[in-house]
Amino acid sequence: MTPQTGEGPAGRTGGATRVIAIGSEAVVADTIPALTFLASVEVVVGPPIDAGPTPEGRRRIIPILGGTVTGPELTGSVLPAGADFQVLRSETLTELRAQYAIETDDGDRIYVENFGLRSGTAADIAALVRGEPVPPDRIYFRCTPRMSTTSARWTWLTERIIIGTGVRHPGTVRLDLYVVD
């Protein structure tokens, strides 16, 4: 018997359940979580500091100079502190580890540690390293920020998985962040 799959409603709002039918039996295979938009983060970055080759790859440090956070609820600014610590693992893959802080419009502070991967062709990654624009559809840029705060309003962010997509522009990085429900 060939398994057949279909989408069915999850037990909660926003998700979907994949059902696999084997003969006349239906089996729930997994639940597909929904995503809720959190915010767009526009990070202003400074000139890269090339730390040179290491056993892990070429290392660069990208200073974070500031930025903005714009979302339905989370709004504020990226504080002018922190950096993106990059490892160019190969000609086609860059590993990103950014650490910085957000200050909300209400004055709360949220510390962010963001791990990401950026990959593309060797030519496209080389262009990004040189600070040149590359069409976003040619670059895979995904991230998983973790947030930390003692603010009563934003503590829930420390209890959720957040994922994002990114676009690198000369002088800025744009992240669109989503909460996994």
Protein backbone atom coordinates (compact mmCIF):
# COMPACT_ATOMS: atom_id res chain seq x y z
CA MET A 1 0.00 0.00 0.00
CA THR A 2 1.26 3.45 -0.89
CA PRO A 3 1.00 6.05 1.87
CA GLN A 4 -1.03 9.12 0.91
CA THR A 5 -0.66 12.44 2.65
CA GLY A 6 -3.03 15.31 3.19
CA GLU A 7 -3.29 18.45 5.26
CA GLY A 8 -5.73 18.58 8.13
CA PRO A 9 -6.53 21.08 10.85
CA ALA A 10 -4.29 21.17 13.88
CA GLY A 11 -5.71 21.27 17.37
CA ARG A 12 -4.93 24.98 17.62
CA THR A 13 -5.04 28.15 15.57
CA GLY A 14 -2.46 28.64 12.84
CA GLY A 15 -0.91 25.18 12.55
CA ALA A 16 -1.52 22.28 10.24
CA THR A 17 -1.29 18.56 10.78
CA ARG A 18 -0.01 16.20 8.12
CA VAL A 19 -2.03 13.01 7.99
CA ILE A 20 -0.66 9.90 6.33
CA ALA A 21 -3.23 7.38 5.13
CA ILE A 22 -2.05 3.77 5.06
CA GLY A 23 -4.89 1.68 3.64
CA SER A 24 -7.98 2.70 5.62
CA GLU A 25 -5.96 3.94 8.64
CA ALA A 26 -5.09 7.61 9.12
CA VAL A 27 -1.99 8.42 11.15
CA VAL A 28 -0.94 11.88 12.34
CA ALA A 29 2.68 12.23 11.20
CA ASP A 30 3.60 15.60 12.67
CA THR A 31 2.32 19.05 13.39
CA ILE A 32 3.50 21.91 11.24
CA PRO A 33 3.85 25.02 13.41
CA ALA A 34 2.52 28.37 12.31
CA LEU A 35 4.62 31.52 12.20
CA THR A 36 3.63 34.92 13.57
CA PHE A 37 5.42 38.02 12.30
CA LEU A 38 7.34 39.70 15.14
CA ALA A 39 9.28 42.56 13.55
CA SER A 40 11.61 43.80 10.84
CA VAL A 41 15.02 44.79 12.10
CA GLU A 42 17.14 47.14 9.98
CA VAL A 43 20.71 46.99 11.32
CA VAL A 44 23.25 49.62 10.31
CA VAL A 45 26.73 48.09 10.10
CA GLY A 46 30.21 49.54 9.91
CA PRO A 47 33.17 48.53 7.78
CA PRO A 48 34.27 44.93 8.37
CA ILE A 49 37.35 44.13 10.39
CA ASP A 50 39.15 41.23 8.71
CA ALA A 51 40.67 39.04 11.43
CA GLY A 52 42.22 36.76 8.80
CA PRO A 53 42.31 33.02 8.26
CA THR A 54 41.80 30.58 11.14
CA PRO A 55 41.43 26.78 11.19
CA GLU A 56 37.62 27.29 11.04
CA GLY A 57 37.75 29.70 8.10
CA ARG A 58 38.35 33.38 7.44
CA ARG A 59 37.03 35.50 10.31
CA ARG A 60 35.47 38.95 10.06
CA ILE A 61 33.97 41.22 12.68
CA ILE A 62 31.21 43.57 11.49
CA PRO A 63 30.48 46.40 13.96
CA ILE A 64 26.81 47.12 14.66
CA LEU A 65 26.27 50.89 14.64
CA GLY A 66 22.50 51.07 15.31
CA GLY A 67 19.23 50.52 13.53
CA THR A 68 15.47 50.27 13.87
CA VAL A 69 12.94 47.65 14.94
CA THR A 70 9.47 47.87 13.42
CA GLY A 71 6.67 45.45 14.20
CA PRO A 72 3.04 45.29 15.19
CA GLU A 73 4.01 45.42 18.90
CA LEU A 74 7.81 45.31 19.11
CA THR A 75 9.21 48.65 18.02
CA GLY A 76 12.38 50.45 18.99
CA SER A 77 16.00 50.80 18.04
CA VAL A 78 19.10 48.68 17.73
CA LEU A 79 21.63 50.13 20.15
CA PRO A 80 25.03 51.22 18.76
CA ALA A 81 26.91 48.34 20.34
CA GLY A 82 27.69 44.79 19.39
CA ALA A 83 28.97 43.05 16.31
CA ASP A 84 28.39 40.27 13.83
CA PHE A 85 31.20 37.71 14.18
CA GLN A 86 31.47 35.94 10.84
CA VAL A 87 33.30 32.83 9.70
CA LEU A 88 33.61 32.32 5.96
CA ARG A 89 33.53 28.52 6.08
CA SER A 90 33.93 28.15 2.32
CA GLU A 91 33.58 30.18 -0.86
CA THR A 92 29.83 29.57 -0.70
CA LEU A 93 28.99 29.55 3.04
CA THR A 94 29.24 32.19 5.76
CA GLU A 95 28.34 31.48 9.38
CA LEU A 96 27.06 34.50 11.30
CA ARG A 97 26.94 35.10 15.08
CA ALA A 98 25.63 38.54 15.94
CA GLN A 99 25.33 39.93 19.47
CA TYR A 100 23.58 43.22 20.10
CA ALA A 101 20.82 44.91 22.09
CA ILE A 102 17.43 46.40 21.27
CA GLU A 103 15.80 49.22 23.20
CA THR A 104 12.02 49.26 22.80
CA ASP A 105 10.08 52.48 22.41
CA ASP A 106 8.98 51.95 26.05
CA GLY A 107 12.63 51.89 27.23
CA ASP A 108 12.94 48.13 27.80
CA ARG A 109 16.19 46.45 26.77
CA ILE A 110 16.37 43.09 25.00
CA TYR A 111 19.69 41.32 24.46
CA VAL A 112 19.92 39.42 21.16
CA GLU A 113 22.22 36.54 20.17
CA ASN A 114 21.57 35.66 16.55
CA PHE A 115 23.02 32.66 14.73
CA GLY A 116 22.64 32.62 10.96
CA LEU A 117 23.77 31.03 7.72
CA ARG A 118 24.27 32.83 4.45
CA SER A 119 25.04 30.85 1.30
CA GLY A 120 25.14 31.43 -2.42
CA THR A 121 27.44 30.97 -5.36
CA ALA A 122 31.12 31.70 -4.83
CA ALA A 123 30.78 34.83 -7.00
CA ASP A 124 27.79 36.14 -5.03
CA ILE A 125 29.38 35.53 -1.62
CA ALA A 126 32.59 37.21 -2.81
CA ALA A 127 30.54 40.23 -3.93
CA LEU A 128 28.87 40.48 -0.50
CA VAL A 129 32.27 40.27 1.20
CA ARG A 130 33.44 43.17 -0.99
CA GLY A 131 30.37 45.17 0.10
CA GLU A 132 28.63 44.98 -3.27
CA PRO A 133 24.87 44.48 -3.69
CA VAL A 134 23.61 41.03 -4.65
CA PRO A 135 19.94 40.31 -5.52
CA PRO A 136 18.39 38.76 -2.38
CA ASP A 137 16.80 35.89 -4.32
CA ARG A 138 20.30 34.56 -5.07
CA ILE A 139 21.31 34.29 -1.40
CA TYR A 140 20.02 31.88 1.25
CA PHE A 141 20.07 33.90 4.51
CA ARG A 142 18.28 32.43 7.53
CA CYS A 143 18.75 33.05 11.24
CA THR A 144 17.64 31.94 14.70
CA PRO A 145 17.82 34.82 17.17
CA ARG A 146 17.56 34.17 20.91
CA MET A 147 16.35 37.03 23.04
CA SER A 148 16.94 37.71 26.71
CA THR A 149 15.30 40.29 28.96
CA THR A 150 13.89 40.76 32.44
CA SER A 151 11.17 43.09 31.16
CA ALA A 152 7.78 41.75 32.22
CA ARG A 153 6.28 42.78 28.88
CA TRP A 154 8.89 40.95 26.76
CA THR A 155 9.87 37.94 28.92
CA TRP A 156 7.74 35.73 26.66
CA LEU A 157 10.37 36.25 23.92
CA THR A 158 12.83 34.24 26.03
CA GLU A 159 10.37 31.33 25.99
CA ARG A 160 9.85 31.11 22.23
CA ILE A 161 11.78 30.02 19.17
CA ILE A 162 12.27 32.84 16.71
CA ILE A 163 13.40 32.39 13.13
CA GLY A 164 14.15 34.92 10.46
CA THR A 165 15.12 35.70 6.93
CA GLY A 166 17.80 38.19 6.08
CA VAL A 167 18.96 40.45 3.27
CA ARG A 168 22.41 42.04 3.20
CA HIS A 169 22.67 45.47 1.61
CA PRO A 170 25.77 47.66 1.52
CA GLY A 171 25.81 49.30 4.95
CA THR A 172 22.73 47.52 6.35
CA VAL A 173 21.21 44.13 7.11
CA ARG A 174 17.44 43.62 7.13
CA LEU A 175 15.99 40.79 9.20
CA ASP A 176 12.33 39.79 9.15
CA LEU A 177 11.66 37.85 12.36
CA TYR A 178 8.87 35.37 13.10
CA VAL A 179 7.78 33.59 16.27
CA VAL A 180 7.23 29.85 15.88
CA ASP A 181 3.79 29.23 17.41
